[in-house]
Amino acid sequence: MKAYVFPGQGAQFVGMGKEMYDTIPAAKEYFEKANEILGFRITDIMFAGTADELKQTKVTQPAVFLHSVILAKTMGEAFKPDMVAGHSLGEFSALVVAGALSFEDGLRLVSKRALAMQKACEKAPSTMAAVIGLPNDKVEALLHKMNLDDNECVICANYNCPGQIVISGSLAGIDRACEIMQKKGARRALKLKVGGAFHSSFMESARQELSAAIEGTEFKKPLCPIYQNVDAKPYTDAESIKKNLTAQLTAPVLWQQSVENMIADGADSFLEIGPGKVLRGLVSRINKTVALEGIE
């Protein structure tokens, strides 16, 4: 069985999508429609902007979404997943290509999400860090003790693969957590170049904004199950999908658990659709026996 997976924020690169735009008429139509919906020419930034321009959250999220979705749209009849999943932002890409959301509605929600997250980041300084080389339960236990001792709220935000967890919290909290993790045996505890503590309570205001937008958007039953980040379980019911998509902003991304569940349910090959190779790397660390491919 085939699982199609879609990357999230951080996979972007300058020049992304230009070859599709120049060589595939249908892709060009989608990109131009996106420029119209967004109210600015995101293609100019994607194709020829600077890395700093592209990494703005309000640009990055729709850019990665567009790259993934338009790639999938150009596959035509070759697009035949048995199940789909997306990492954080990638969940929106997965929902669009699986038919649960229209291209237009998906892009509007992604834009709303990006702007709401940007505003939440500006309200309270916060950040994220990658912890490499410690088991999940040890990271959780260390954070629990630190939060009690230091009155902090640093949480596990992304369970990416065995030995790789991303944590979210205040600037001081993340600094303290990195210090503790390294003292307790982490190979690395590295602060990430992000604007805020995604997938934590710092995103509550963004969750409320996005919730209203999601409730006002039509969702349909997808053509195959989508394994959602919040609990790593498969869904085809539109109302459940909407609820989980809203909760995703303040809940951890259970990526390792999602991949393990897809494999348990029969997935023996994974196709990553979108920029970069991050998800293939994570899947290979979760299970070395499955086949891995990518369309970039």
Foldseek 3Di string as FASTA:
>chain_A
DEEEEAEFFPLADAQQPVVCCVPPVVLVVLQVVLCVLVVHNLVCCRHPNDPVVCNQLLNVLLSQLSSQLSLLVVCPPVNDGQEYEYFQSRNLSRQCSLPFAPSSLSSVLSNLLSVLQNVLLVVAPKFKKKWFDDAPVVLQVLLVVCCVVVVWDKAFAEPQAGRITMIIGHPVSLVVSQVVSVVVPTPGIGTDPDSHGWQACSSVRSLVSSLVSLVVGGTAFGNHWYQYQQPLDTDRDSVVVSVRSSNRRNHHGHNLSNLVVVVVVPHQEYEYGGGDCVNVVSSCRSPVRGHYYYDD
